[in-house]
């Protein structure tokens, strides 16, 4: 499937792809991209698709990885990458950024003790998925691990919408979080 979404907002570029192609097709769409270091076809597809999305932004850019595994761009802009189910997304910005995409499911309700703060009540699978998505975006924003999803990140109580924004607390700093639905998934990103 071609590009599902390209969105420019808040001085960021967001691109989303829905993988429906066989691996061979994705390989043909990426020239000289080696994915042999990855074991599963799913991981190879996600890896290749993130490069296809980057090519939609700028064909001359390359992704490298820091020692802690966070992606970097060859032109020193910031990039964050996420995938869930068949969706892969990237965000590119001149400022530090983090993105996550999560399929709405009961899984987040089953794991809520690991990341939901006590002030959140009346949870359903959509709201808990969005909270998880925002906290994952914060984790990627931070880039260096060592984040306690309950103690370090606080998402305020909110009324669930199709899209929105909110201030969240991360280690005594305030970050701006933006979110919107993409099909049966939430995409969230954070920035200062």
Protein backbone atom coordinates (compact mmCIF):
# COMPACT_ATOMS: atom_id res chain seq x y z
CA UNK A 1 0.00 0.00 0.00
CA UNK A 2 1.33 3.47 -0.69
CA UNK A 3 1.83 6.21 1.85
CA UNK A 4 -1.20 6.30 4.18
CA UNK A 5 -0.60 9.72 5.71
CA UNK A 6 1.75 12.68 5.43
CA UNK A 7 1.03 15.44 7.89
CA UNK A 8 2.85 18.68 8.64
CA UNK A 9 2.01 20.14 12.05
CA UNK A 10 3.77 21.98 14.86
CA UNK A 11 6.95 22.23 12.71
CA UNK A 12 7.08 18.43 12.40
CA UNK A 13 6.57 16.05 9.50
CA UNK A 14 4.68 12.82 10.26
CA UNK A 15 4.50 9.96 7.76
CA UNK A 16 2.56 6.70 8.14
CA UNK A 17 2.61 3.59 5.95
CA UNK A 18 0.35 0.55 6.16
CA UNK A 19 2.32 -2.55 5.23
CA UNK A 20 0.41 -4.79 2.85
CA UNK A 21 3.23 -5.62 0.45
CA UNK A 22 5.31 -8.79 0.48
CA UNK A 23 8.89 -8.41 1.67
CA UNK A 24 10.25 -8.66 -1.90
CA UNK A 25 8.22 -5.62 -2.97
CA UNK A 26 9.53 -3.54 -0.04
CA UNK A 27 13.08 -4.60 -0.88
CA UNK A 28 12.53 -3.42 -4.47
CA UNK A 29 11.34 -0.02 -3.18
CA UNK A 30 14.52 0.51 -1.15
CA UNK A 31 17.78 0.58 -3.04
CA UNK A 32 20.91 -0.64 -1.30
CA UNK A 33 19.20 -1.12 2.07
CA UNK A 34 20.54 -4.15 3.88
CA UNK A 35 18.14 -5.80 6.32
CA UNK A 36 19.92 -9.17 6.54
CA UNK A 37 20.87 -8.46 10.18
CA UNK A 38 17.20 -8.83 11.13
CA UNK A 39 15.79 -12.30 11.77
CA UNK A 40 12.03 -12.06 11.13
CA UNK A 41 10.27 -10.93 7.98
CA UNK A 42 8.08 -8.64 10.12
CA UNK A 43 11.14 -6.79 11.49
CA UNK A 44 12.62 -6.57 7.99
CA UNK A 45 9.36 -5.07 6.66
CA UNK A 46 9.26 -2.50 9.48
CA UNK A 47 12.91 -1.58 8.92
CA UNK A 48 12.50 -1.19 5.16
CA UNK A 49 9.24 0.72 5.49
CA UNK A 50 10.83 3.30 7.80
CA UNK A 51 13.42 3.93 5.05
CA UNK A 52 10.68 4.23 2.41
CA UNK A 53 8.95 6.82 4.59
CA UNK A 54 12.22 8.72 5.01
CA UNK A 55 12.60 8.77 1.21
CA UNK A 56 9.20 10.48 0.97
CA UNK A 57 10.64 13.21 3.17
CA UNK A 58 14.13 13.46 1.66
CA UNK A 59 15.84 10.87 -0.55
CA UNK A 60 19.32 12.04 0.49
CA UNK A 61 18.95 11.32 4.22
CA UNK A 62 20.21 8.20 5.96
CA UNK A 63 19.37 6.73 9.37
CA UNK A 64 22.05 5.61 11.79
CA UNK A 65 21.69 4.47 15.39
CA UNK A 66 23.30 5.70 18.59
CA UNK A 67 24.89 3.27 21.04
CA UNK A 68 21.61 3.14 22.99
CA UNK A 69 19.64 2.26 19.83
CA UNK A 70 17.91 5.57 19.10
CA UNK A 71 17.76 6.65 15.44
CA UNK A 72 19.64 9.67 14.10
CA UNK A 73 19.53 11.42 10.73
CA UNK A 74 22.55 12.26 8.61
CA UNK A 75 21.53 15.97 8.44
CA UNK A 76 21.25 16.25 12.26
CA UNK A 77 17.49 16.74 12.27
CA UNK A 78 15.68 14.59 14.82
CA UNK A 79 13.74 11.44 13.92
CA UNK A 80 11.61 9.02 15.87
CA UNK A 81 10.20 5.74 14.52
CA UNK A 82 7.36 3.49 15.66
CA UNK A 83 5.37 0.51 14.43
CA UNK A 84 2.33 -1.42 15.58
CA UNK A 85 0.50 -4.13 13.69
CA UNK A 86 0.85 -3.23 10.01
CA UNK A 87 1.47 0.48 10.59
CA UNK A 88 4.88 2.14 10.57
CA UNK A 89 5.35 5.84 11.29
CA UNK A 90 8.17 8.32 11.50
CA UNK A 91 8.35 11.92 12.66
CA UNK A 92 11.05 14.37 11.62
CA UNK A 93 11.73 17.66 13.35
CA UNK A 94 14.37 20.27 14.01
CA UNK A 95 13.77 19.74 17.73
CA UNK A 96 13.94 16.71 20.01
CA UNK A 97 10.89 14.53 19.39
CA UNK A 98 9.35 11.15 20.26
CA UNK A 99 6.56 9.24 18.49
CA UNK A 100 4.56 6.09 19.12
CA UNK A 101 1.70 4.33 17.39
CA UNK A 102 -0.39 1.65 19.10
CA UNK A 103 -3.27 -0.49 17.94
CA UNK A 104 -6.27 -0.06 20.22
CA UNK A 105 -6.63 -3.31 22.14
CA UNK A 106 -7.41 -4.84 25.52
CA UNK A 107 -3.69 -5.51 26.05
CA UNK A 108 -3.17 -2.05 27.54
CA UNK A 109 -5.94 -2.69 30.09
CA UNK A 110 -4.34 -6.00 31.06
CA UNK A 111 -0.99 -4.27 31.68
CA UNK A 112 -2.32 -1.04 33.24
CA UNK A 113 -0.60 -1.60 36.62
CA UNK A 114 2.74 -1.12 34.86
CA UNK A 115 2.05 2.36 33.47
CA UNK A 116 -1.29 3.92 34.52
CA UNK A 117 -1.23 6.50 37.34
CA UNK A 118 -3.84 6.13 40.10
CA UNK A 119 -5.70 9.33 39.16
CA UNK A 120 -6.92 7.68 35.95
CA UNK A 121 -10.29 6.06 36.51
CA UNK A 122 -13.03 4.89 34.18
CA UNK A 123 -10.52 3.37 31.79
CA UNK A 124 -11.48 1.61 28.61
CA UNK A 125 -9.20 0.05 26.01
CA UNK A 126 -9.06 3.25 23.93
CA UNK A 127 -8.06 5.50 26.81
CA UNK A 128 -5.51 3.06 28.24
CA UNK A 129 -4.02 2.52 24.76
CA UNK A 130 -3.64 6.28 24.30
CA UNK A 131 -1.97 6.69 27.71
CA UNK A 132 0.44 3.85 26.83
CA UNK A 133 1.09 5.48 23.45
CA UNK A 134 1.89 8.87 25.00
CA UNK A 135 4.21 7.32 27.57
CA UNK A 136 6.04 5.33 24.89
CA UNK A 137 6.49 8.55 22.91
CA UNK A 138 8.01 10.17 26.02
CA UNK A 139 10.37 7.19 26.41
CA UNK A 140 11.53 7.65 22.79
CA UNK A 141 11.84 11.41 23.33
CA UNK A 142 14.14 10.75 26.31
CA UNK A 143 16.33 8.36 24.24
CA UNK A 144 18.46 7.05 27.08
CA UNK A 145 16.19 4.60 28.89
CA UNK A 146 15.90 4.45 32.66
CA UNK A 147 12.31 5.73 32.70
CA UNK A 148 9.71 4.58 35.23
CA UNK A 149 6.40 4.86 33.36
CA UNK A 150 4.44 5.50 36.58
CA UNK A 151 6.82 7.65 38.65
CA UNK A 152 8.49 9.65 35.88
CA UNK A 153 5.61 10.31 33.44
CA UNK A 154 2.27 11.77 34.44
CA UNK A 155 -0.52 12.15 31.91
CA UNK A 156 -3.31 14.34 33.31
CA UNK A 157 -6.91 13.17 33.44
CA UNK A 158 -8.53 13.93 30.08
CA UNK A 159 -11.65 13.40 28.02
CA UNK A 160 -10.89 11.03 25.14
CA UNK A 161 -11.24 12.51 21.66
CA UNK A 162 -10.25 11.54 18.10
CA UNK A 163 -7.36 14.01 18.35
CA UNK A 164 -6.03 16.47 20.86
CA UNK A 165 -3.12 17.89 22.78
CA UNK A 166 -2.13 18.11 26.42
CA UNK A 167 0.72 19.08 28.70
CA UNK A 168 2.32 16.11 30.43
CA UNK A 169 4.88 15.91 33.19
CA UNK A 170 8.15 14.09 32.65
CA UNK A 171 10.74 14.11 35.43
CA UNK A 172 9.54 17.52 36.66
CA UNK A 173 9.53 19.03 33.16
CA UNK A 174 6.54 19.81 30.98
CA UNK A 175 6.25 18.30 27.53
CA UNK A 176 3.55 18.93 24.95
CA UNK A 177 1.80 15.80 23.70
CA UNK A 178 -0.29 15.65 20.52
CA UNK A 179 -2.35 12.69 19.40
CA UNK A 180 -4.77 11.53 16.73
CA UNK A 181 -6.38 8.33 15.52
CA UNK A 182 -5.17 6.47 12.45
CA UNK A 183 -7.76 3.79 11.71
CA UNK A 184 -7.90 1.54 14.79
CA UNK A 185 -4.70 2.97 16.29
CA UNK A 186 -3.58 6.02 18.21
CA UNK A 187 -0.52 7.97 17.13
CA UNK A 188 1.04 10.26 19.75
CA UNK A 189 4.11 12.42 19.72
CA UNK A 190 5.81 14.61 22.29
CA UNK A 191 8.09 17.61 22.10
CA UNK A 192 9.20 20.48 24.34
